[in-house]
Protein backbone atom coordinates (compact mmCIF):
# COMPACT_ATOMS: atom_id res chain seq x y z
CA MET A 1 -19.51 -8.14 2.73
CA ALA A 2 -19.52 -9.71 -0.73
CA ASP A 3 -21.49 -8.42 -3.66
CA VAL A 4 -23.97 -10.81 -5.20
CA GLY A 5 -23.31 -10.86 -8.91
CA THR A 6 -20.99 -11.97 -11.63
CA LEU A 7 -17.62 -10.38 -12.30
CA ARG A 8 -16.60 -10.24 -15.93
CA ILE A 9 -13.42 -8.85 -17.42
CA VAL A 10 -13.70 -6.69 -20.52
CA HIS A 11 -10.64 -5.94 -22.68
CA SER A 12 -10.55 -2.65 -24.55
CA PRO A 13 -7.43 -2.72 -26.77
CA ALA A 14 -8.13 0.76 -28.16
CA ARG A 15 -7.95 2.16 -24.60
CA GLU A 16 -5.20 -0.25 -23.50
CA ARG A 17 -7.31 -1.23 -20.52
CA TYR A 18 -8.95 -4.24 -18.92
CA GLU A 19 -12.04 -3.50 -16.83
CA ALA A 20 -13.70 -5.57 -14.13
CA ILE A 21 -17.48 -5.24 -14.46
CA LEU A 22 -19.81 -6.50 -11.75
CA SER A 23 -23.19 -7.55 -13.15
CA THR A 24 -25.78 -7.53 -10.39
CA ASP A 25 -28.87 -7.92 -12.56
CA PRO A 26 -29.45 -11.53 -13.70
CA ASP A 27 -31.80 -10.36 -16.48
CA GLY A 28 -29.13 -8.18 -18.09
CA MET A 29 -31.33 -5.09 -17.80
CA GLY A 30 -28.72 -2.88 -16.21
CA GLY A 31 -27.01 -3.10 -12.88
CA ASP A 32 -23.46 -3.23 -14.27
CA GLU A 33 -20.79 -1.47 -12.24
CA THR A 34 -17.12 -0.99 -13.06
CA VAL A 35 -15.28 -2.15 -9.95
CA GLY A 36 -11.73 -1.72 -11.22
CA TYR A 37 -9.33 -1.65 -14.12
CA VAL A 38 -5.77 -2.35 -15.24
CA ASP A 39 -4.06 0.04 -17.64
CA TYR A 40 -1.24 -1.15 -19.85
CA VAL A 41 1.02 -0.27 -22.77
CA SER A 42 1.30 -2.89 -25.48
CA GLU A 43 4.67 -3.34 -27.14
CA THR A 44 5.81 -5.79 -29.79
CA TYR A 45 6.98 -8.57 -27.47
CA GLN A 46 5.65 -7.51 -24.10
CA VAL A 47 2.87 -5.75 -22.26
CA VAL A 48 3.75 -3.14 -19.66
CA LEU A 49 1.16 -3.30 -16.85
CA THR A 50 1.22 0.23 -15.49
CA HIS A 51 -1.65 0.67 -13.06
CA THR A 52 -4.31 -1.31 -11.22
CA VAL A 53 -7.22 0.66 -9.76
CA ILE A 54 -9.97 -0.58 -7.46
CA PRO A 55 -12.04 2.26 -5.94
CA GLU A 56 -11.90 2.33 -2.14
CA HIS A 57 -15.52 1.26 -1.69
CA TYR A 58 -14.79 -1.97 -3.64
CA SER A 59 -11.50 -2.65 -1.88
CA GLY A 60 -10.97 -5.90 0.01
CA ARG A 61 -13.45 -7.98 -1.99
CA GLY A 62 -10.95 -9.85 -4.15
CA TYR A 63 -11.71 -7.96 -7.36
CA ALA A 64 -8.10 -6.89 -7.95
CA GLY A 65 -6.83 -10.45 -7.76
CA GLN A 66 -9.52 -11.76 -10.09
CA LEU A 67 -8.85 -8.93 -12.52
CA VAL A 68 -5.07 -9.33 -12.56
CA ARG A 69 -5.33 -13.12 -12.93
CA ALA A 70 -7.62 -12.68 -15.96
CA VAL A 71 -5.28 -10.08 -17.47
CA LEU A 72 -2.23 -12.32 -17.06
CA ASP A 73 -4.10 -15.32 -18.49
CA ASP A 74 -5.13 -13.27 -21.51
CA ILE A 75 -1.60 -11.98 -22.08
CA ARG A 76 -0.19 -15.50 -21.71
CA GLY A 77 -2.46 -16.55 -24.55
CA SER A 78 -0.89 -13.89 -26.77
CA GLY A 79 2.60 -15.27 -26.14
CA LYS A 80 3.87 -11.93 -24.83
CA GLN A 81 5.71 -11.32 -21.60
CA VAL A 82 4.71 -8.74 -18.98
CA VAL A 83 6.59 -5.89 -17.40
CA PRO A 84 4.87 -5.44 -14.02
CA VAL A 85 5.43 -1.73 -13.34
CA CYS A 86 2.31 -1.73 -11.15
CA SER A 87 3.21 -2.69 -7.57
CA TYR A 88 0.00 -4.71 -7.15
CA VAL A 89 0.83 -6.82 -10.21
CA GLN A 90 4.39 -7.30 -8.92
CA ARG A 91 3.07 -8.63 -5.59
CA PHE A 92 0.47 -10.77 -7.35
CA ILE A 93 3.16 -12.47 -9.46
CA GLU A 94 5.36 -12.98 -6.38
CA ARG A 95 2.44 -14.70 -4.60
CA ASN A 96 1.40 -16.70 -7.67
CA PRO A 97 4.58 -18.26 -9.06
CA GLU A 98 2.70 -19.87 -11.95
CA TYR A 99 2.99 -16.43 -13.62
CA ALA A 100 6.69 -15.85 -12.82
CA ASP A 101 7.82 -17.14 -16.22
CA MET A 102 5.91 -14.28 -17.90
CA ALA A 103 7.51 -11.45 -15.92
CA VAL A 104 10.36 -9.35 -17.22
CA ALA A 105 12.41 -7.26 -14.80
CA VAL A 106 11.18 -3.71 -14.44
CA PRO A 107 13.84 -1.26 -15.67
CA GLN A 108 15.12 0.91 -12.83
């Protein structure tokens, strides 16, 4: 089942987080729900993507992929590389090779 609404990605640099917000009210009078987020640590030349969270009741609707794609596109615009510590982000980059040039090996 798909939600009817618009997904927007909000970047909060002070919190080092990107949030996926589902707007279900076309009039903008409420109805916004946070359906997931990506936490990160910003460094001088790279961004460490540490954690992607989609609550269970929003799982399987494609929100994680849309969120991670938007995050990677935003980071690409900054010229920084990414360190995909988060396993979801690692798999996303493996499945979407257009982002492979941004990824730095995760230190073991």
